[in-house]
Amino acid sequence: MPPAQQHEKSLPLLPVRVLVAVPPGGLGAQLEVMRAWLDRAYGPGGWAAAAAGLGGVVNDAVAFYFRDRAAARAFLARFSCGYRAAPGRGL
């Protein structure tokens, strides 16, 4: 199953989660850029993503999962635009 189609409950080996808000128009081509970078950096099995809607809206956020905080931090360093919607837990 491709990482983007995995369900949150099936990800126990990837305990670190990063939530990414999805703008109203979607992520567009940026999502493919993110996936390609993640595959190169961590391999297809080193990360996963799943819909993680906030407030009951399924498509307004994506959760990216990583094995450790270092990988999550590298992802944030590469793709974060500096905004933080809510305080993180230990990142």
C-alpha atoms as a PDB file:
ATOM      1  CA  MET A   1       0.000   0.000   0.000  1.00  0.00           C
ATOM      2  CA  PRO A   2       1.428   3.413  -0.906  1.00  0.00           C
ATOM      3  CA  PRO A   3       2.346   5.519   2.159  1.00  0.00           C
ATOM      4  CA  ALA A   4      -0.244   8.170   1.375  1.00  0.00           C
ATOM      5  CA  GLN A   5      -3.036   5.594   1.622  1.00  0.00           C
ATOM      6  CA  GLN A   6      -2.117   4.137   4.990  1.00  0.00           C
ATOM      7  CA  HIS A   7      -4.434   4.713   7.918  1.00  0.00           C
ATOM      8  CA  GLU A   8      -3.146   6.323  11.125  1.00  0.00           C
ATOM      9  CA  LYS A   9      -3.894   3.259  13.253  1.00  0.00           C
ATOM     10  CA  SER A  10      -1.666   1.069  11.067  1.00  0.00           C
ATOM     11  CA  LEU A  11       1.473   3.128  11.777  1.00  0.00           C
ATOM     12  CA  PRO A  12       2.802   1.903  15.157  1.00  0.00           C
ATOM     13  CA  LEU A  13       6.393   1.640  13.881  1.00  0.00           C
ATOM     14  CA  LEU A  14       6.393   5.302  12.871  1.00  0.00           C
ATOM     15  CA  PRO A  15       5.575   7.038  16.157  1.00  0.00           C
ATOM     16  CA  VAL A  16       6.525  10.650  15.382  1.00  0.00           C
ATOM     17  CA  ARG A  17       3.773  12.645  13.685  1.00  0.00           C
ATOM     18  CA  VAL A  18       3.969  16.008  11.923  1.00  0.00           C
ATOM     19  CA  LEU A  19       0.671  17.633  10.942  1.00  0.00           C
ATOM     20  CA  VAL A  20       0.635  19.756   7.810  1.00  0.00           C
ATOM     21  CA  ALA A  21      -2.326  22.021   7.130  1.00  0.00           C
ATOM     22  CA  VAL A  22      -3.654  21.769   3.602  1.00  0.00           C
ATOM     23  CA  PRO A  23      -4.622  25.085   2.003  1.00  0.00           C
ATOM     24  CA  PRO A  24      -8.105  25.354   0.446  1.00  0.00           C
ATOM     25  CA  GLY A  25      -6.688  24.726  -3.036  1.00  0.00           C
ATOM     26  CA  GLY A  26      -4.767  21.637  -1.909  1.00  0.00           C
ATOM     27  CA  LEU A  27      -1.040  21.019  -1.901  1.00  0.00           C
ATOM     28  CA  GLY A  28      -0.868  20.557  -5.658  1.00  0.00           C
ATOM     29  CA  ALA A  29       2.514  19.577  -7.061  1.00  0.00           C
ATOM     30  CA  GLN A  30       4.167  20.318  -3.701  1.00  0.00           C
ATOM     31  CA  LEU A  31       2.862  17.015  -2.340  1.00  0.00           C
ATOM     32  CA  GLU A  32       4.763  15.078  -5.014  1.00  0.00           C
ATOM     33  CA  VAL A  33       7.904  17.105  -4.256  1.00  0.00           C
ATOM     34  CA  MET A  34       7.524  16.215  -0.580  1.00  0.00           C
ATOM     35  CA  ARG A  35       6.988  12.517  -1.324  1.00  0.00           C
ATOM     36  CA  ALA A  36       9.990  12.358  -3.646  1.00  0.00           C
ATOM     37  CA  TRP A  37      12.214  14.044  -1.067  1.00  0.00           C
ATOM     38  CA  LEU A  38      10.976  11.701   1.679  1.00  0.00           C
ATOM     39  CA  ASP A  39      11.596   8.622  -0.492  1.00  0.00           C
ATOM     40  CA  ARG A  40      15.144   9.788  -1.270  1.00  0.00           C
ATOM     41  CA  ALA A  41      15.902  10.752   2.329  1.00  0.00           C
ATOM     42  CA  TYR A  42      14.270   7.844   4.198  1.00  0.00           C
ATOM     43  CA  GLY A  43      13.190   5.259   1.638  1.00  0.00           C
ATOM     44  CA  PRO A  44       9.578   4.318   0.955  1.00  0.00           C
ATOM     45  CA  GLY A  45       9.329   2.428   4.267  1.00  0.00           C
ATOM     46  CA  GLY A  46      10.884   5.163   6.401  1.00  0.00           C
ATOM     47  CA  TRP A  47       7.904   7.472   6.374  1.00  0.00           C
ATOM     48  CA  ALA A  48       4.163   7.439   5.824  1.00  0.00           C
ATOM     49  CA  ALA A  49       1.328   9.897   5.367  1.00  0.00           C
ATOM     50  CA  ALA A  50      -2.382   9.790   6.063  1.00  0.00           C
ATOM     51  CA  ALA A  51      -5.307  12.178   5.990  1.00  0.00           C
ATOM     52  CA  ALA A  52      -5.578  13.831   9.386  1.00  0.00           C
ATOM     53  CA  GLY A  53      -8.462  16.229   9.122  1.00  0.00           C
ATOM     54  CA  LEU A  54      -8.916  18.772  11.844  1.00  0.00           C
ATOM     55  CA  GLY A  55     -12.361  19.643  13.106  1.00  0.00           C
ATOM     56  CA  GLY A  56     -13.943  16.738  11.251  1.00  0.00           C
ATOM     57  CA  VAL A  57     -12.837  17.887   7.782  1.00  0.00           C
ATOM     58  CA  VAL A  58     -10.943  14.960   6.275  1.00  0.00           C
ATOM     59  CA  ASN A  59      -8.882  16.839   3.688  1.00  0.00           C
ATOM     60  CA  ASP A  60      -7.708  19.901   5.598  1.00  0.00           C
ATOM     61  CA  ALA A  61      -4.546  18.304   7.045  1.00  0.00           C
ATOM     62  CA  VAL A  62      -2.043  15.582   6.277  1.00  0.00           C
ATOM     63  CA  ALA A  63      -0.144  13.690   8.957  1.00  0.00           C
ATOM     64  CA  PHE A  64       3.396  12.639   8.071  1.00  0.00           C
ATOM     65  CA  TYR A  65       4.886   9.891  10.224  1.00  0.00           C
ATOM     66  CA  PHE A  66       8.547   9.223  10.960  1.00  0.00           C
ATOM     67  CA  ARG A  67      10.602   6.734  12.970  1.00  0.00           C
ATOM     68  CA  ASP A  68      12.335   9.410  15.016  1.00  0.00           C
ATOM     69  CA  ARG A  69      12.344  13.099  15.820  1.00  0.00           C
ATOM     70  CA  ALA A  70      15.477  13.762  13.788  1.00  0.00           C
ATOM     71  CA  ALA A  71      13.672  12.714  10.606  1.00  0.00           C
ATOM     72  CA  ALA A  72      10.649  14.856  11.531  1.00  0.00           C
ATOM     73  CA  ARG A  73      12.915  17.851  12.181  1.00  0.00           C
ATOM     74  CA  ALA A  74      14.656  17.381   8.823  1.00  0.00           C
ATOM     75  CA  PHE A  75      11.262  17.306   7.098  1.00  0.00           C
ATOM     76  CA  LEU A  76      10.214  20.477   8.918  1.00  0.00           C
ATOM     77  CA  ALA A  77      13.494  22.192   8.074  1.00  0.00           C
ATOM     78  CA  ARG A  78      13.019  21.361   4.391  1.00  0.00           C
ATOM     79  CA  PHE A  79       9.318  22.137   3.989  1.00  0.00           C
ATOM     80  CA  SER A  80       8.211  24.434   6.810  1.00  0.00           C
ATOM     81  CA  CYS A  81       7.334  27.976   5.917  1.00  0.00           C
ATOM     82  CA  GLY A  82       7.719  29.081   9.517  1.00  0.00           C
ATOM     83  CA  TYR A  83       4.090  29.014  10.617  1.00  0.00           C
ATOM     84  CA  ARG A  84       3.012  26.912  13.549  1.00  0.00           C
ATOM     85  CA  ALA A  85      -0.693  26.373  14.152  1.00  0.00           C
ATOM     86  CA  ALA A  86      -0.331  24.704  17.532  1.00  0.00           C
ATOM     87  CA  PRO A  87       2.539  23.968  19.906  1.00  0.00           C
ATOM     88  CA  GLY A  88       4.344  20.730  19.102  1.00  0.00           C
ATOM     89  CA  ARG A  89       5.023  17.946  21.509  1.00  0.00           C
ATOM     90  CA  GLY A  90       8.777  17.885  21.892  1.00  0.00           C
ATOM     91  CA  LEU A  91       9.740  19.056  18.429  1.00  0.00           C
END
